[in-house]
Amino acid sequence: MTVGFFRRFFSALVDFVLVFLVVYLGFILGGRTLLQNRVDYFDDRYAIYTQILNAYNDDLEELQVAYNADVAAANGDADLEAAALAEFNAKASMLRVQNTIDIEPYSESLTVYFVEIIYFFSIGLIILLTLMSSITLGKTLGRRALRLKLVIMNSSGETSTPNPIQVFFHDVVLKYFFILIVFAINMYYGALLILLSLLIDMILMSVSRNKTTIRDYFLRMRVVSADYTN
């Protein structure tokens, strides 16, 4: 029988977490050092960068404490509270400007490093998800744990095992690839795309007779119970 959204979601979550942990381990063991070596004098730059950020956060925290004290001292006087807020905003703005000036010599090269970390994880996830799905023909650890399997469904209702290319398009290209590309370009839009894709899948599986997603429909595939029989 064709399974619903939540079993498919949790099987995909298991697969993604496992692959992410492998990529993260690769980053810890060698990827991080490799990317750091691409930045000249990384250790010195990062140490100063961190000091500047810490000093900025400390100053901002002290400013917040002073503002809270002024509001408490105002004892409900709207004019005094407004004056305290105006002073806080003015000083906070000055701190932001000064922080931008202080950190600019270090942020450009380090920004490249942080962006390359995102690329490292995105590319690593795509490669490992591709290998995992294609080699197992869709019988990933997540699907095994949830007792699911990916099958080709023909017009007569008979099922067959998909080939690696079909699995690649179903489980990687139409499932993760575009999301990870968008996430690598902009993390905010990537997160929104993840939520949107989950919402679309949930709606389609709820309203369609065969509980299919867009990728299921176009590739004529189904995710069914592992003990499914025609």
Protein backbone atom coordinates (compact mmCIF):
# COMPACT_ATOMS: atom_id res chain seq x y z
CA MET A 1 0.00 0.00 0.00
CA THR A 2 1.08 3.56 -0.70
CA VAL A 3 2.17 5.34 2.47
CA GLY A 4 1.38 8.84 3.69
CA PHE A 5 3.31 11.98 4.39
CA PHE A 6 4.59 11.40 7.91
CA ARG A 7 6.19 8.00 7.30
CA ARG A 8 7.88 9.37 4.21
CA PHE A 9 8.94 12.51 6.06
CA PHE A 10 10.55 10.62 8.93
CA SER A 11 12.32 8.21 6.58
CA ALA A 12 13.74 11.16 4.65
CA LEU A 13 14.69 12.85 7.93
CA VAL A 14 16.64 9.77 9.05
CA ASP A 15 18.50 9.67 5.72
CA PHE A 16 19.27 13.38 5.76
CA VAL A 17 20.51 13.39 9.36
CA LEU A 18 22.80 10.42 8.74
CA VAL A 19 24.26 11.98 5.60
CA PHE A 20 24.63 15.34 7.33
CA LEU A 21 26.56 13.71 10.17
CA VAL A 22 28.94 12.10 7.67
CA VAL A 23 29.52 15.44 5.92
CA TYR A 24 30.00 17.15 9.27
CA LEU A 25 32.55 14.52 10.28
CA GLY A 26 34.39 15.14 7.01
CA PHE A 27 34.34 18.87 7.75
CA ILE A 28 35.79 18.33 11.24
CA LEU A 29 38.46 15.87 10.11
CA GLY A 30 39.77 17.82 7.15
CA GLY A 31 37.33 20.13 5.42
CA ARG A 32 37.58 22.91 7.98
CA THR A 33 41.38 23.00 7.82
CA LEU A 34 41.28 22.97 4.03
CA LEU A 35 38.94 25.96 3.90
CA GLN A 36 40.86 27.85 6.58
CA ASN A 37 44.09 27.40 4.63
CA ARG A 38 42.47 29.25 1.72
CA VAL A 39 42.41 32.42 3.87
CA ASP A 40 45.75 34.14 4.47
CA TYR A 41 46.58 34.46 8.19
CA PHE A 42 43.25 32.88 9.08
CA ASP A 43 44.02 32.34 12.78
CA ASP A 44 45.04 35.97 13.33
CA ARG A 45 42.16 37.37 11.30
CA TYR A 46 39.60 35.16 13.01
CA ALA A 47 40.93 35.94 16.50
CA ILE A 48 40.68 39.70 15.91
CA TYR A 49 37.30 39.30 14.20
CA THR A 50 35.99 37.42 17.26
CA GLN A 51 37.40 40.01 19.67
CA ILE A 52 35.70 42.84 17.80
CA LEU A 53 32.36 41.01 17.75
CA ASN A 54 32.61 40.15 21.45
CA ALA A 55 33.44 43.76 22.33
CA TYR A 56 30.48 44.97 20.25
CA ASN A 57 28.11 42.51 21.92
CA ASP A 58 29.39 43.48 25.38
CA ASP A 59 28.89 47.18 24.64
CA LEU A 60 25.42 46.52 23.29
CA GLU A 61 24.54 44.50 26.39
CA GLU A 62 25.73 47.32 28.66
CA LEU A 63 23.67 49.74 26.62
CA GLN A 64 20.60 47.51 27.05
CA VAL A 65 21.15 47.34 30.81
CA ALA A 66 21.41 51.16 31.00
CA TYR A 67 18.23 51.52 28.94
CA ASN A 68 16.34 49.10 31.19
CA ALA A 69 17.52 51.08 34.22
CA ASP A 70 16.35 54.37 32.65
CA VAL A 71 12.93 52.85 31.86
CA ALA A 72 12.62 51.61 35.44
CA ALA A 73 13.63 55.04 36.76
CA ALA A 74 11.01 56.69 34.52
CA ASN A 75 8.37 54.96 36.65
CA GLY A 76 5.76 55.00 33.90
CA ASP A 77 6.48 58.55 32.64
CA ALA A 78 5.91 58.29 28.87
CA ASP A 79 8.15 61.26 28.04
CA LEU A 80 11.08 59.90 30.03
CA GLU A 81 10.64 56.44 28.51
CA ALA A 82 10.57 57.94 25.01
CA ALA A 83 13.74 59.92 25.78
CA ALA A 84 15.44 56.76 27.08
CA LEU A 85 14.46 54.86 23.93
CA ALA A 86 15.71 57.66 21.67
CA GLU A 87 19.04 57.73 23.53
CA PHE A 88 19.32 53.94 23.31
CA ASN A 89 18.63 53.91 19.57
CA ALA A 90 21.14 56.72 18.94
CA LYS A 91 23.92 55.01 20.91
CA ALA A 92 23.13 51.60 19.39
CA SER A 93 23.33 53.11 15.93
CA MET A 94 26.73 54.61 16.73
CA LEU A 95 27.92 51.23 18.00
CA ARG A 96 26.78 49.50 14.80
CA VAL A 97 28.56 52.05 12.62
CA GLN A 98 31.77 51.76 14.64
CA ASN A 99 31.58 47.97 14.62
CA THR A 100 31.17 47.97 10.83
CA ILE A 101 34.26 50.18 10.47
CA ASP A 102 36.33 48.09 12.88
CA ILE A 103 35.42 44.71 11.46
CA GLU A 104 35.51 45.55 7.74
CA PRO A 105 39.22 44.71 7.21
CA TYR A 106 38.57 41.18 8.48
CA SER A 107 35.01 40.44 7.41
CA GLU A 108 35.57 40.27 3.64
CA SER A 109 38.04 37.38 3.68
CA LEU A 110 36.21 35.61 6.50
CA THR A 111 32.89 36.00 4.72
CA VAL A 112 34.37 33.99 1.85
CA TYR A 113 35.32 31.32 4.38
CA PHE A 114 31.81 31.17 5.85
CA VAL A 115 30.23 31.01 2.38
CA GLU A 116 32.57 28.19 1.38
CA ILE A 117 31.45 26.25 4.47
CA ILE A 118 27.88 26.42 3.10
CA TYR A 119 29.14 25.25 -0.31
CA PHE A 120 31.08 22.41 1.35
CA PHE A 121 28.00 21.11 3.13
CA SER A 122 25.67 21.61 0.15
CA ILE A 123 27.95 19.81 -2.33
CA GLY A 124 28.80 17.10 0.19
CA LEU A 125 25.13 16.44 0.91
CA ILE A 126 24.26 16.22 -2.79
CA ILE A 127 27.13 13.81 -3.51
CA LEU A 128 26.41 11.51 -0.56
CA LEU A 129 22.64 11.55 -1.08
CA THR A 130 23.23 10.64 -4.72
CA LEU A 131 25.53 7.76 -3.82
CA MET A 132 23.27 6.49 -1.05
CA SER A 133 20.08 6.56 -3.12
CA SER A 134 21.59 5.26 -6.37
CA ILE A 135 23.66 2.44 -4.87
CA THR A 136 20.77 1.16 -2.74
CA LEU A 137 18.21 1.69 -5.53
CA GLY A 138 16.15 3.79 -3.15
CA LYS A 139 16.33 1.28 -0.29
CA THR A 140 18.00 3.78 2.01
CA LEU A 141 18.51 3.32 5.73
CA GLY A 142 15.63 5.69 6.45
CA ARG A 143 13.24 3.72 4.27
CA ARG A 144 14.43 0.45 5.76
CA ALA A 145 13.90 1.81 9.26
CA LEU A 146 10.34 2.87 8.40
CA ARG A 147 9.73 -0.30 6.31
CA LEU A 148 9.28 1.54 3.02
CA LYS A 149 10.46 1.01 -0.53
CA LEU A 150 10.47 2.97 -3.77
CA VAL A 151 8.87 1.29 -6.77
CA ILE A 152 7.88 1.98 -10.37
CA MET A 153 4.11 1.72 -10.85
CA ASN A 154 2.90 0.85 -14.36
CA SER A 155 -0.56 1.46 -15.81
CA SER A 156 -1.79 -2.00 -14.84
CA GLY A 157 -0.83 -1.47 -11.21
CA GLU A 158 2.18 -3.78 -11.27
CA THR A 159 5.41 -2.63 -9.60
CA SER A 160 9.07 -2.97 -10.47
CA THR A 161 12.37 -1.87 -8.99
CA PRO A 162 13.64 1.51 -10.34
CA ASN A 163 17.08 1.81 -11.88
CA PRO A 164 19.80 4.13 -10.46
CA ILE A 165 18.98 6.96 -12.91
CA GLN A 166 15.30 6.93 -11.98
CA VAL A 167 16.15 6.88 -8.28
CA PHE A 168 18.62 9.74 -8.78
CA PHE A 169 15.98 11.98 -10.31
CA HIS A 170 13.32 11.05 -7.77
CA ASP A 171 15.37 11.08 -4.57
CA VAL A 172 17.99 13.72 -5.36
CA VAL A 173 17.21 16.05 -8.28
CA LEU A 174 13.52 16.62 -7.55
CA LYS A 175 13.81 16.21 -3.79
CA TYR A 176 17.00 17.90 -2.56
CA PHE A 177 19.06 19.37 -5.41
CA PHE A 178 17.22 22.63 -6.05
CA ILE A 179 16.65 23.23 -2.33
CA LEU A 180 20.36 22.84 -1.58
CA ILE A 181 21.30 25.11 -4.49
CA VAL A 182 18.98 27.85 -3.24
CA PHE A 183 20.19 27.29 0.33
CA ALA A 184 23.81 27.71 -0.80
CA ILE A 185 22.91 31.02 -2.47
CA ASN A 186 20.69 32.36 0.30
CA MET A 187 20.05 30.49 3.57
CA TYR A 188 16.83 32.42 4.26
CA TYR A 189 15.25 31.57 0.91
CA GLY A 190 16.55 28.02 1.21
CA ALA A 191 14.78 27.58 4.56
CA LEU A 192 11.58 29.00 3.08
CA LEU A 193 11.83 26.62 0.13
CA ILE A 194 12.23 23.65 2.50
CA LEU A 195 9.06 24.62 4.38
CA LEU A 196 7.19 25.28 1.12
CA SER A 197 8.18 21.93 -0.40
CA LEU A 198 7.13 20.08 2.76
CA LEU A 199 3.80 21.90 2.78
CA ILE A 200 3.17 21.09 -0.90
CA ASP A 201 4.06 17.43 -0.37
CA MET A 202 1.78 17.19 2.65
CA ILE A 203 -1.15 18.78 0.80
CA LEU A 204 -0.70 16.63 -2.32
CA MET A 205 -0.42 13.41 -0.32
CA SER A 206 -3.53 14.37 1.64
CA VAL A 207 -5.73 15.14 -1.36
CA SER A 208 -4.47 12.71 -4.00
CA ARG A 209 -5.96 9.24 -4.18
CA ASN A 210 -2.58 7.51 -4.41
CA LYS A 211 -0.81 9.83 -1.93
CA THR A 212 1.60 11.05 -4.58
CA THR A 213 3.86 14.08 -4.81
CA ILE A 214 4.78 15.95 -7.99
CA ARG A 215 7.98 13.91 -8.41
CA ASP A 216 6.00 10.68 -7.90
CA TYR A 217 3.53 11.68 -10.60
CA PHE A 218 6.04 12.69 -13.26
CA LEU A 219 8.33 9.71 -12.70
CA ARG A 220 5.46 7.24 -12.16
CA MET A 221 6.86 6.13 -8.83
CA ARG A 222 5.34 5.26 -5.49
CA VAL A 223 6.67 4.88 -1.95
CA VAL A 224 4.96 1.83 -0.51
CA SER A 225 5.18 -0.41 2.54
CA ALA A 226 8.08 -2.83 2.37
CA ASP A 227 5.69 -5.76 2.72
CA TYR A 228 3.49 -4.42 -0.13
CA THR A 229 2.19 -7.03 -2.54
CA ASN A 230 0.00 -6.57 -5.58
